[in-house]
C-alpha atoms as a PDB file:
ATOM      1  CA  MET A   1      82.893 105.291 123.241  1.00  0.00           C
ATOM      2  CA  LEU A   2      80.282 107.794 122.116  1.00  0.00           C
ATOM      3  CA  ALA A   3      77.843 106.423 119.528  1.00  0.00           C
ATOM      4  CA  ARG A   4      78.589 109.409 117.261  1.00  0.00           C
ATOM      5  CA  ILE A   5      82.304 108.581 117.154  1.00  0.00           C
ATOM      6  CA  ALA A   6      81.636 104.871 116.619  1.00  0.00           C
ATOM      7  CA  GLU A   7      79.253 105.670 113.758  1.00  0.00           C
ATOM      8  CA  ASN A   8      81.707 107.944 111.959  1.00  0.00           C
ATOM      9  CA  LEU A   9      84.579 105.468 112.269  1.00  0.00           C
ATOM     10  CA  PHE A  10      82.349 102.632 111.070  1.00  0.00           C
ATOM     11  CA  TRP A  11      81.178 104.549 108.005  1.00  0.00           C
ATOM     12  CA  LEU A  12      84.568 106.108 107.252  1.00  0.00           C
ATOM     13  CA  SER A  13      85.961 102.620 106.859  1.00  0.00           C
ATOM     14  CA  ARG A  14      82.942 101.359 104.926  1.00  0.00           C
ATOM     15  CA  TYR A  15      83.037 104.169 102.379  1.00  0.00           C
ATOM     16  CA  MET A  16      86.769 103.768 101.757  1.00  0.00           C
ATOM     17  CA  GLU A  17      86.274 100.018 101.231  1.00  0.00           C
ATOM     18  CA  ARG A  18      83.323 100.729  98.921  1.00  0.00           C
ATOM     19  CA  ALA A  19      85.431 103.050  96.761  1.00  0.00           C
ATOM     20  CA  ASP A  20      87.966 100.237  96.354  1.00  0.00           C
ATOM     21  CA  TYR A  21      85.193  97.785  95.444  1.00  0.00           C
ATOM     22  CA  LEU A  22      83.722 100.065  92.784  1.00  0.00           C
ATOM     23  CA  ALA A  23      87.147 100.501  91.208  1.00  0.00           C
ATOM     24  CA  ARG A  24      87.575  96.713  91.116  1.00  0.00           C
ATOM     25  CA  LEU A  25      84.042  96.218  89.783  1.00  0.00           C
ATOM     26  CA  LEU A  26      84.664  98.589  86.877  1.00  0.00           C
ATOM     27  CA  GLN A  27      87.912  96.778  86.130  1.00  0.00           C
ATOM     28  CA  VAL A  28      86.083  93.424  86.085  1.00  0.00           C
ATOM     29  CA  ALA A  29      83.540  94.796  83.630  1.00  0.00           C
ATOM     30  CA  GLY A  30      86.308  96.205  81.455  1.00  0.00           C
ATOM     31  CA  HIS A  31      88.293  92.957  81.418  1.00  0.00           C
ATOM     32  CA  MET A  32      85.186  90.888  80.658  1.00  0.00           C
ATOM     33  CA  SER A  33      84.150  93.239  77.883  1.00  0.00           C
ATOM     34  CA  ALA A  34      87.609  92.998  76.306  1.00  0.00           C
ATOM     35  CA  VAL A  35      87.339  89.232  75.784  1.00  0.00           C
ATOM     36  CA  ARG A  36      83.845  89.267  74.288  1.00  0.00           C
ATOM     37  CA  PRO A  37      83.653  88.342  70.598  1.00  0.00           C
ATOM     38  CA  ASP A  38      80.468  90.390  70.123  1.00  0.00           C
ATOM     39  CA  ALA A  39      81.837  93.875  70.627  1.00  0.00           C
ATOM     40  CA  ASP A  40      78.405  95.508  70.492  1.00  0.00           C
ATOM     41  CA  SER A  41      77.170  93.745  73.634  1.00  0.00           C
ATOM     42  CA  ASP A  42      76.898  95.791  76.822  1.00  0.00           C
ATOM     43  CA  SER A  43      76.049  92.879  79.111  1.00  0.00           C
ATOM     44  CA  GLU A  44      79.214  93.369  81.183  1.00  0.00           C
ATOM     45  CA  TRP A  45      78.377  97.000  81.915  1.00  0.00           C
ATOM     46  CA  GLN A  46      74.789  96.119  82.792  1.00  0.00           C
ATOM     47  CA  SER A  47      76.123  93.508  85.197  1.00  0.00           C
ATOM     48  CA  ALA A  48      78.336  96.131  86.865  1.00  0.00           C
ATOM     49  CA  ILE A  49      75.304  98.302  87.576  1.00  0.00           C
ATOM     50  CA  VAL A  50      73.423  95.341  89.065  1.00  0.00           C
ATOM     51  CA  ALA A  51      76.422  94.286  91.184  1.00  0.00           C
ATOM     52  CA  ALA A  52      76.800  97.851  92.481  1.00  0.00           C
ATOM     53  CA  GLY A  53      73.202  97.789  93.718  1.00  0.00           C
ATOM     54  CA  ALA A  54      72.398 100.737  91.435  1.00  0.00           C
ATOM     55  CA  LYS A  55      69.890  99.147  89.071  1.00  0.00           C
ATOM     56  CA  ASP A  56      66.893 101.177  90.247  1.00  0.00           C
ATOM     57  CA  SER A  57      68.703 104.522  90.208  1.00  0.00           C
ATOM     58  CA  PHE A  58      70.520 103.961  86.886  1.00  0.00           C
ATOM     59  CA  PHE A  59      67.709 102.537  84.765  1.00  0.00           C
ATOM     60  CA  PRO A  60      65.604 103.403  82.800  1.00  0.00           C
ATOM     61  CA  GLU A  61      66.908 106.960  82.337  1.00  0.00           C
ATOM     62  CA  ARG A  62      70.296 105.716  81.094  1.00  0.00           C
ATOM     63  CA  GLN A  63      71.559 103.025  78.767  1.00  0.00           C
ATOM     64  CA  ALA A  64      74.370 100.818  80.084  1.00  0.00           C
ATOM     65  CA  ASN A  65      77.585 101.142  78.122  1.00  0.00           C
ATOM     66  CA  GLU A  66      81.196 101.711  79.080  1.00  0.00           C
ATOM     67  CA  ALA A  67      81.069 105.516  79.109  1.00  0.00           C
ATOM     68  CA  SER A  68      77.777 105.832  81.012  1.00  0.00           C
ATOM     69  CA  VAL A  69      78.593 103.171  83.625  1.00  0.00           C
ATOM     70  CA  VAL A  70      82.108 104.461  84.332  1.00  0.00           C
ATOM     71  CA  ASP A  71      80.748 107.990  84.673  1.00  0.00           C
ATOM     72  CA  TYR A  72      77.900 106.941  86.983  1.00  0.00           C
ATOM     73  CA  LEU A  73      79.842 104.581  89.257  1.00  0.00           C
ATOM     74  CA  ALA A  74      83.049 106.614  89.368  1.00  0.00           C
ATOM     75  CA  PHE A  75      82.272 110.310  89.009  1.00  0.00           C
ATOM     76  CA  ASP A  76      78.565 111.153  89.253  1.00  0.00           C
ATOM     77  CA  PRO A  77      78.041 113.344  92.364  1.00  0.00           C
ATOM     78  CA  ALA A  78      74.297 112.623  92.210  1.00  0.00           C
ATOM     79  CA  ASN A  79      75.077 108.947  92.861  1.00  0.00           C
ATOM     80  CA  THR A  80      75.720 108.779  96.605  1.00  0.00           C
ATOM     81  CA  SER A  81      77.696 105.558  96.140  1.00  0.00           C
ATOM     82  CA  SER A  82      79.961 106.670  93.281  1.00  0.00           C
ATOM     83  CA  ILE A  83      83.699 106.577  93.946  1.00  0.00           C
ATOM     84  CA  VAL A  84      83.828 110.373  94.143  1.00  0.00           C
ATOM     85  CA  SER A  85      80.883 110.462  96.555  1.00  0.00           C
ATOM     86  CA  CYS A  86      82.394 107.682  98.694  1.00  0.00           C
ATOM     87  CA  ILE A  87      85.687 109.534  99.085  1.00  0.00           C
ATOM     88  CA  GLU A  88      83.952 112.820  99.871  1.00  0.00           C
ATOM     89  CA  THR A  89      81.652 111.171 102.425  1.00  0.00           C
ATOM     90  CA  ALA A  90      84.582 109.314 103.999  1.00  0.00           C
ATOM     91  CA  ARG A  91      86.413 112.618 104.374  1.00  0.00           C
ATOM     92  CA  ARG A  92      83.383 114.217 106.056  1.00  0.00           C
ATOM     93  CA  ASN A  93      83.209 111.297 108.486  1.00  0.00           C
ATOM     94  CA  ALA A  94      86.927 111.614 109.197  1.00  0.00           C
ATOM     95  CA  ARG A  95      86.659 115.355 109.763  1.00  0.00           C
ATOM     96  CA  ALA A  96      83.782 114.859 112.200  1.00  0.00           C
ATOM     97  CA  VAL A  97      85.974 112.659 114.421  1.00  0.00           C
ATOM     98  CA  ARG A  98      89.346 114.217 113.669  1.00  0.00           C
ATOM     99  CA  THR A  99      90.521 113.863 117.284  1.00  0.00           C
ATOM    100  CA  ALA A 100      89.760 110.115 117.255  1.00  0.00           C
ATOM    101  CA  LEU A 101      92.078 109.539 114.280  1.00  0.00           C
ATOM    102  CA  THR A 102      95.820 109.270 114.211  1.00  0.00           C
ATOM    103  CA  ARG A 103      97.627 111.970 112.229  1.00  0.00           C
ATOM    104  CA  GLU A 104      98.542 109.453 109.534  1.00  0.00           C
ATOM    105  CA  MET A 105      94.903 108.349 109.148  1.00  0.00           C
ATOM    106  CA  TRP A 106      93.708 111.906 108.657  1.00  0.00           C
ATOM    107  CA  GLU A 107      96.466 112.661 106.157  1.00  0.00           C
ATOM    108  CA  ALA A 108      95.644 109.520 104.167  1.00  0.00           C
ATOM    109  CA  VAL A 109      91.950 110.427 103.890  1.00  0.00           C
ATOM    110  CA  ASN A 110      92.424 114.162 103.404  1.00  0.00           C
ATOM    111  CA  GLY A 111      95.251 113.642 100.914  1.00  0.00           C
ATOM    112  CA  THR A 112      93.045 111.323  98.871  1.00  0.00           C
ATOM    113  CA  TRP A 113      90.269 113.917  98.866  1.00  0.00           C
ATOM    114  CA  LEU A 114      92.671 116.645  97.730  1.00  0.00           C
ATOM    115  CA  GLU A 115      94.192 114.539  94.949  1.00  0.00           C
ATOM    116  CA  LEU A 116      90.702 113.595  93.751  1.00  0.00           C
ATOM    117  CA  ARG A 117      90.401 117.082  92.252  1.00  0.00           C
ATOM    118  CA  ASP A 118      93.040 116.186  89.665  1.00  0.00           C
ATOM    119  CA  PHE A 119      90.664 113.705  88.040  1.00  0.00           C
ATOM    120  CA  LYS A 120      87.804 115.080  85.955  1.00  0.00           C
ATOM    121  CA  ARG A 121      84.658 113.499  84.545  1.00  0.00           C
ATOM    122  CA  GLY A 122      84.846 112.242  80.989  1.00  0.00           C
ATOM    123  CA  LEU A 123      88.346 110.760  81.230  1.00  0.00           C
ATOM    124  CA  GLU A 124      89.836 108.976  78.239  1.00  0.00           C
ATOM    125  CA  GLN A 125      90.160 105.215  78.625  1.00  0.00           C
ATOM    126  CA  ASP A 126      93.843 105.274  79.622  1.00  0.00           C
ATOM    127  CA  SER A 127      93.180 107.994  82.192  1.00  0.00           C
ATOM    128  CA  ALA A 128      90.193 106.077  83.565  1.00  0.00           C
ATOM    129  CA  ILE A 129      92.398 103.001  84.062  1.00  0.00           C
ATOM    130  CA  GLU A 130      94.943 105.171  85.859  1.00  0.00           C
ATOM    131  CA  PHE A 131      92.174 106.601  88.063  1.00  0.00           C
ATOM    132  CA  LEU A 132      90.913 103.161  89.124  1.00  0.00           C
ATOM    133  CA  GLU A 133      94.442 102.042  90.009  1.00  0.00           C
ATOM    134  CA  TRP A 134      94.920 105.269  91.990  1.00  0.00           C
ATOM    135  CA  VAL A 135      91.722 104.597  93.965  1.00  0.00           C
ATOM    136  CA  LYS A 136      92.883 101.092  94.898  1.00  0.00           C
ATOM    137  CA  ALA A 137      96.298 102.392  95.944  1.00  0.00           C
ATOM    138  CA  ARG A 138      94.846 105.185  98.095  1.00  0.00           C
ATOM    139  CA  VAL A 139      92.386 102.879  99.853  1.00  0.00           C
ATOM    140  CA  GLY A 140      95.210 100.406 100.465  1.00  0.00           C
ATOM    141  CA  LEU A 141      97.272 103.221 101.964  1.00  0.00           C
ATOM    142  CA  PHE A 142      94.446 104.236 104.311  1.00  0.00           C
ATOM    143  CA  GLN A 143      93.841 100.671 105.466  1.00  0.00           C
ATOM    144  CA  GLY A 144      97.526 100.038 106.051  1.00  0.00           C
ATOM    145  CA  VAL A 145      97.921 103.273 107.997  1.00  0.00           C
ATOM    146  CA  TYR A 146      95.039 102.703 110.379  1.00  0.00           C
ATOM    147  CA  ALA A 147      95.972  99.039 110.872  1.00  0.00           C
ATOM    148  CA  ASN A 148      99.429 100.132 111.959  1.00  0.00           C
ATOM    149  CA  THR A 149      98.709 103.282 113.980  1.00  0.00           C
ATOM    150  CA  MET A 150      95.389 102.877 115.860  1.00  0.00           C
ATOM    151  CA  LEU A 151      95.208 101.637 119.419  1.00  0.00           C
ATOM    152  CA  ARG A 152      93.462  98.276 119.700  1.00  0.00           C
ATOM    153  CA  MET A 153      90.461  99.780 121.444  1.00  0.00           C
ATOM    154  CA  ASP A 154      86.814 100.254 120.497  1.00  0.00           C
ATOM    155  CA  GLY A 155      87.560 102.811 117.788  1.00  0.00           C
ATOM    156  CA  PHE A 156      89.755 100.336 115.946  1.00  0.00           C
ATOM    157  CA  HIS A 157      87.161  97.574 116.287  1.00  0.00           C
ATOM    158  CA  PHE A 158      84.380  99.762 114.848  1.00  0.00           C
ATOM    159  CA  ALA A 159      86.589 100.729 111.900  1.00  0.00           C
ATOM    160  CA  ARG A 160      87.415  97.086 111.276  1.00  0.00           C
ATOM    161  CA  LEU A 161      83.745  96.134 111.497  1.00  0.00           C
ATOM    162  CA  GLY A 162      82.928  98.666 108.798  1.00  0.00           C
ATOM    163  CA  GLN A 163      85.730  97.490 106.548  1.00  0.00           C
ATOM    164  CA  PHE A 164      84.963  93.777 106.696  1.00  0.00           C
ATOM    165  CA  LEU A 165      81.181  94.119 106.636  1.00  0.00           C
ATOM    166  CA  GLU A 166      81.506  96.176 103.464  1.00  0.00           C
ATOM    167  CA  ARG A 167      84.051  93.765 102.010  1.00  0.00           C
ATOM    168  CA  ALA A 168      81.803  90.749 102.646  1.00  0.00           C
ATOM    169  CA  ASP A 169      78.934  92.448 100.828  1.00  0.00           C
ATOM    170  CA  ASN A 170      81.240  93.499  97.999  1.00  0.00           C
ATOM    171  CA  THR A 171      82.858  90.082  97.550  1.00  0.00           C
ATOM    172  CA  ALA A 172      79.441  88.451  97.205  1.00  0.00           C
ATOM    173  CA  ARG A 173      78.352  91.082  94.683  1.00  0.00           C
ATOM    174  CA  LEU A 174      81.589  90.910  92.713  1.00  0.00           C
ATOM    175  CA  LEU A 175      81.434  87.125  92.380  1.00  0.00           C
ATOM    176  CA  ASP A 176      77.771  87.429  91.397  1.00  0.00           C
ATOM    177  CA  VAL A 177      78.751  89.668  88.458  1.00  0.00           C
ATOM    178  CA  LYS A 178      79.434  86.516  86.442  1.00  0.00           C
ATOM    179  CA  TYR A 179      75.835  85.383  86.899  1.00  0.00           C
ATOM    180  CA  HIS A 180      74.534  88.553  85.249  1.00  0.00           C
ATOM    181  CA  VAL A 181      76.894  88.448  82.248  1.00  0.00           C
ATOM    182  CA  ARG A 182      75.298  86.744  79.272  1.00  0.00           C
ATOM    183  CA  LEU A 183      77.461  84.503  77.132  1.00  0.00           C
ATOM    184  CA  PRO A 184      76.905  84.780  73.355  1.00  0.00           C
ATOM    185  CA  ARG A 185      75.646  81.200  73.074  1.00  0.00           C
ATOM    186  CA  VAL A 186      74.626  78.500  75.537  1.00  0.00           C
ATOM    187  CA  GLU A 187      77.369  76.247  74.189  1.00  0.00           C
ATOM    188  CA  ASP A 188      79.972  78.857  75.210  1.00  0.00           C
ATOM    189  CA  VAL A 189      79.578  77.846  78.859  1.00  0.00           C
ATOM    190  CA  GLY A 190      82.935  76.337  79.758  1.00  0.00           C
ATOM    191  CA  GLY A 191      84.516  77.778  76.622  1.00  0.00           C
ATOM    192  CA  VAL A 192      87.294  80.297  76.064  1.00  0.00           C
ATOM    193  CA  VAL A 193      85.192  83.398  76.777  1.00  0.00           C
ATOM    194  CA  ASP A 194      83.720  81.843  79.912  1.00  0.00           C
ATOM    195  CA  TYR A 195      87.229  80.898  81.089  1.00  0.00           C
ATOM    196  CA  TYR A 196      88.633  84.406  80.627  1.00  0.00           C
ATOM    197  CA  GLN A 197      85.650  85.967  82.388  1.00  0.00           C
ATOM    198  CA  TRP A 198      86.312  83.858  85.492  1.00  0.00           C
ATOM    199  CA  LEU A 199      90.008  84.689  85.171  1.00  0.00           C
ATOM    200  CA  ALA A 200      89.124  88.382  85.078  1.00  0.00           C
ATOM    201  CA  ILE A 201      87.396  88.103  88.457  1.00  0.00           C
ATOM    202  CA  LEU A 202      90.497  86.497  89.972  1.00  0.00           C
ATOM    203  CA  ARG A 203      92.745  89.106  88.416  1.00  0.00           C
ATOM    204  CA  VAL A 204      90.860  92.091  89.737  1.00  0.00           C
ATOM    205  CA  VAL A 205      90.724  90.809  93.340  1.00  0.00           C
ATOM    206  CA  ALA A 206      94.441  90.002  93.133  1.00  0.00           C
ATOM    207  CA  ALA A 207      93.707  86.295  93.563  1.00  0.00           C
ATOM    208  CA  ARG A 208      95.448  84.681  90.592  1.00  0.00           C
ATOM    209  CA  ARG A 209      98.496  83.639  92.592  1.00  0.00           C
ATOM    210  CA  ALA A 210      96.326  82.539  95.531  1.00  0.00           C
ATOM    211  CA  TYR A 211      94.303  80.390  93.142  1.00  0.00           C
ATOM    212  CA  ARG A 212      97.430  78.759  91.681  1.00  0.00           C
ATOM    213  CA  VAL A 213      98.818  78.008  95.145  1.00  0.00           C
ATOM    214  CA  LEU A 214      95.603  76.502  96.491  1.00  0.00           C
ATOM    215  CA  PHE A 215      94.158  74.763  93.423  1.00  0.00           C
ATOM    216  CA  GLN A 216      96.710  74.769  90.593  1.00  0.00           C
ATOM    217  CA  GLY A 217      95.643  73.799  87.104  1.00  0.00           C
ATOM    218  CA  LYS A 218      93.016  75.438  84.903  1.00  0.00           C
ATOM    219  CA  VAL A 219      90.584  77.961  86.327  1.00  0.00           C
ATOM    220  CA  GLN A 220      87.339  76.203  87.247  1.00  0.00           C
ATOM    221  CA  PRO A 221      84.176  78.085  88.340  1.00  0.00           C
ATOM    222  CA  PRO A 222      83.508  75.965  91.480  1.00  0.00           C
ATOM    223  CA  GLN A 223      87.059  76.510  92.671  1.00  0.00           C
ATOM    224  CA  VAL A 224      86.898  80.265  92.032  1.00  0.00           C
ATOM    225  CA  ALA A 225      83.704  80.322  94.073  1.00  0.00           C
ATOM    226  CA  GLU A 226      85.330  78.252  96.818  1.00  0.00           C
ATOM    227  CA  LEU A 227      88.291  80.632  97.003  1.00  0.00           C
ATOM    228  CA  LEU A 228      86.093  83.727  97.298  1.00  0.00           C
ATOM    229  CA  ILE A 229      83.528  82.183  99.636  1.00  0.00           C
ATOM    230  CA  LEU A 230      84.960  79.440 101.844  1.00  0.00           C
ATOM    231  CA  ARG A 231      88.751  79.661 102.003  1.00  0.00           C
ATOM    232  CA  PRO A 232      89.968  81.250 105.280  1.00  0.00           C
ATOM    233  CA  GLU A 233      93.446  81.861 103.850  1.00  0.00           C
ATOM    234  CA  PHE A 234      92.266  84.469 101.338  1.00  0.00           C
ATOM    235  CA  PRO A 235      91.667  87.954 102.839  1.00  0.00           C
ATOM    236  CA  ARG A 236      88.751  88.792 100.556  1.00  0.00           C
ATOM    237  CA  SER A 237      86.796  85.583 101.050  1.00  0.00           C
ATOM    238  CA  LEU A 238      83.457  85.690 102.795  1.00  0.00           C
ATOM    239  CA  LEU A 239      84.717  83.323 105.490  1.00  0.00           C
ATOM    240  CA  PHE A 240      87.766  85.492 106.204  1.00  0.00           C
ATOM    241  CA  CYS A 241      85.543  88.592 106.445  1.00  0.00           C
ATOM    242  CA  TYR A 242      83.116  86.968 108.852  1.00  0.00           C
ATOM    243  CA  GLN A 243      85.936  85.647 111.007  1.00  0.00           C
ATOM    244  CA  ARG A 244      87.079  89.260 111.430  1.00  0.00           C
ATOM    245  CA  ILE A 245      83.533  90.586 111.950  1.00  0.00           C
ATOM    246  CA  THR A 246      82.804  88.174 114.795  1.00  0.00           C
ATOM    247  CA  GLU A 247      86.205  88.813 116.401  1.00  0.00           C
ATOM    248  CA  HIS A 248      85.784  92.597 116.426  1.00  0.00           C
ATOM    249  CA  LEU A 249      82.173  92.459 117.593  1.00  0.00           C
ATOM    250  CA  ASP A 250      83.249  90.294 120.513  1.00  0.00           C
ATOM    251  CA  ARG A 251      86.080  92.681 121.445  1.00  0.00           C
ATOM    252  CA  ILE A 252      83.966  95.838 121.720  1.00  0.00           C
ATOM    253  CA  GLU A 253      83.721  96.600 125.432  1.00  0.00           C
ATOM    254  CA  GLY A 254      81.293  98.447 127.681  1.00  0.00           C
ATOM    255  CA  GLN A 255      78.147  97.591 125.765  1.00  0.00           C
ATOM    256  CA  ASP A 256      74.910  96.167 127.138  1.00  0.00           C
ATOM    257  CA  PRO A 257      75.096  92.390 126.392  1.00  0.00           C
ATOM    258  CA  LYS A 258      71.342  92.196 125.859  1.00  0.00           C
ATOM    259  CA  ARG A 259      71.400  95.030 123.343  1.00  0.00           C
ATOM    260  CA  VAL A 260      74.208  93.581 121.226  1.00  0.00           C
ATOM    261  CA  ALA A 261      73.064  89.946 121.445  1.00  0.00           C
ATOM    262  CA  GLU A 262      71.087  89.971 118.182  1.00  0.00           C
ATOM    263  CA  ALA A 263      73.967  91.448 116.171  1.00  0.00           C
ATOM    264  CA  LYS A 264      76.414  88.914 117.573  1.00  0.00           C
ATOM    265  CA  GLN A 265      73.984  86.055 117.008  1.00  0.00           C
ATOM    266  CA  ALA A 266      73.500  87.050 113.349  1.00  0.00           C
ATOM    267  CA  ALA A 267      77.241  87.446 112.756  1.00  0.00           C
ATOM    268  CA  HIS A 268      78.150  84.147 114.403  1.00  0.00           C
ATOM    269  CA  GLY A 269      75.353  82.378 112.536  1.00  0.00           C
ATOM    270  CA  LEU A 270      76.765  83.466 109.175  1.00  0.00           C
ATOM    271  CA  HIS A 271      80.289  82.620 110.288  1.00  0.00           C
ATOM    272  CA  VAL A 272      79.275  79.076 111.246  1.00  0.00           C
ATOM    273  CA  GLN A 273      77.447  78.620 107.927  1.00  0.00           C
ATOM    274  CA  LEU A 274      80.558  79.639 106.003  1.00  0.00           C
ATOM    275  CA  ARG A 275      83.036  77.805 108.215  1.00  0.00           C
ATOM    276  CA  TYR A 276      81.274  74.456 107.930  1.00  0.00           C
ATOM    277  CA  GLY A 277      79.899  74.881 104.418  1.00  0.00           C
ATOM    278  CA  SER A 278      81.082  73.056 101.317  1.00  0.00           C
ATOM    279  CA  ILE A 279      81.326  74.276  97.759  1.00  0.00           C
ATOM    280  CA  GLU A 280      79.260  71.280  96.622  1.00  0.00           C
ATOM    281  CA  THR A 281      76.357  72.472  98.776  1.00  0.00           C
ATOM    282  CA  VAL A 282      76.752  76.024  97.489  1.00  0.00           C
ATOM    283  CA  MET A 283      76.680  74.948  93.839  1.00  0.00           C
ATOM    284  CA  GLU A 284      73.716  72.628  94.434  1.00  0.00           C
ATOM    285  CA  GLN A 285      71.767  75.470  96.008  1.00  0.00           C
ATOM    286  CA  GLY A 286      72.729  77.722  93.112  1.00  0.00           C
ATOM    287  CA  LEU A 287      75.613  80.186  93.280  1.00  0.00           C
ATOM    288  CA  HIS A 288      73.441  83.204  92.509  1.00  0.00           C
ATOM    289  CA  GLU A 289      70.830  82.248  95.093  1.00  0.00           C
ATOM    290  CA  TYR A 290      73.494  81.580  97.715  1.00  0.00           C
ATOM    291  CA  LEU A 291      75.233  84.921  97.111  1.00  0.00           C
ATOM    292  CA  SER A 292      71.946  86.831  97.087  1.00  0.00           C
ATOM    293  CA  ASP A 293      71.135  85.366 100.505  1.00  0.00           C
ATOM    294  CA  ILE A 294      74.557  86.421 101.815  1.00  0.00           C
ATOM    295  CA  VAL A 295      74.049  89.982 100.509  1.00  0.00           C
ATOM    296  CA  ASP A 296      70.631  90.235 102.168  1.00  0.00           C
ATOM    297  CA  ARG A 297      71.829  88.832 105.495  1.00  0.00           C
ATOM    298  CA  THR A 298      74.910  91.056 105.487  1.00  0.00           C
ATOM    299  CA  ALA A 299      72.678  94.099 105.015  1.00  0.00           C
ATOM    300  CA  GLU A 300      70.495  92.933 107.903  1.00  0.00           C
ATOM    301  CA  LEU A 301      73.594  92.482 110.061  1.00  0.00           C
ATOM    302  CA  GLY A 302      74.685  96.035 109.311  1.00  0.00           C
ATOM    303  CA  GLY A 303      71.318  97.261 110.543  1.00  0.00           C
ATOM    304  CA  GLU A 304      71.586  95.147 113.690  1.00  0.00           C
ATOM    305  CA  ILE A 305      75.036  96.527 114.460  1.00  0.00           C
ATOM    306  CA  ALA A 306      73.777 100.066 114.017  1.00  0.00           C
ATOM    307  CA  ARG A 307      70.794  99.504 116.297  1.00  0.00           C
ATOM    308  CA  SER A 308      72.843  97.644 118.893  1.00  0.00           C
ATOM    309  CA  HIS A 309      75.376 100.445 119.196  1.00  0.00           C
ATOM    310  CA  LEU A 310      72.865 103.285 118.874  1.00  0.00           C
ATOM    311  CA  PHE A 311      73.947 104.845 115.612  1.00  0.00           C
ATOM    312  CA  GLY A 312      72.295 105.246 112.215  1.00  0.00           C
ATOM    313  CA  GLY A 313      72.156 102.424 109.654  1.00  0.00           C
END
């Protein structure tokens, strides 16, 4: 497969997954903000900016509040990682490799891009909620279509790599949102507000039922972390993502083994760490520190994959 085609498929899938993540991140911030007793606090919206990796570009020119954060992460064309920008970039990637896509894949991406015009900046709250749900539904449609129509050849494996590499990064960032949200008082740790903030994370990643099946009982932070990090049954966990990453890297054919060795070594190293890790070790190390390390190593892996397969990072 030509490096240009591999690159476009990889990034098409990454940008669609990123749009879904940003929609979920904004929903987390909204749910957390709704259960805060101090209505004037904007900690949740600040945390969303940090978790989106947009701290340097957002501050200090702007102040974090619901309106400014939703506008920047969802609609701002100057933000190359806003939802609007992600969908537009994904469509450009798809158009560049139109012949490598199935008809249904192209229609899913192009249809999303066309419908995007119906949503304008400065939406009212109800319309913004509708927009975020629409984004999640359209990304789910795209992922279902390509999973069910693409040949299981290199193109499919590069698309899957992009999806799960992005999802691993996003899951770590989304779980880390809770670290950046300040509780009103130290004694509120473990209280009602703390409980509903953890519940909000489960709700937005559609994990409430999964949590009840696997753990039952009251929502506990270590168990939420275990579900999103170490449980192979849950399709958004870090372990699940790295299982898929290693599988698809290993299935790409016709590549120089020496050139791809470093990428495979990095991916398998993270997979082994997650597969044989324990939540007790994670919590002892510090959840924030552990997740920050995962984010950094996932970014490094993305660069290794790009270099190994001769396309841009």
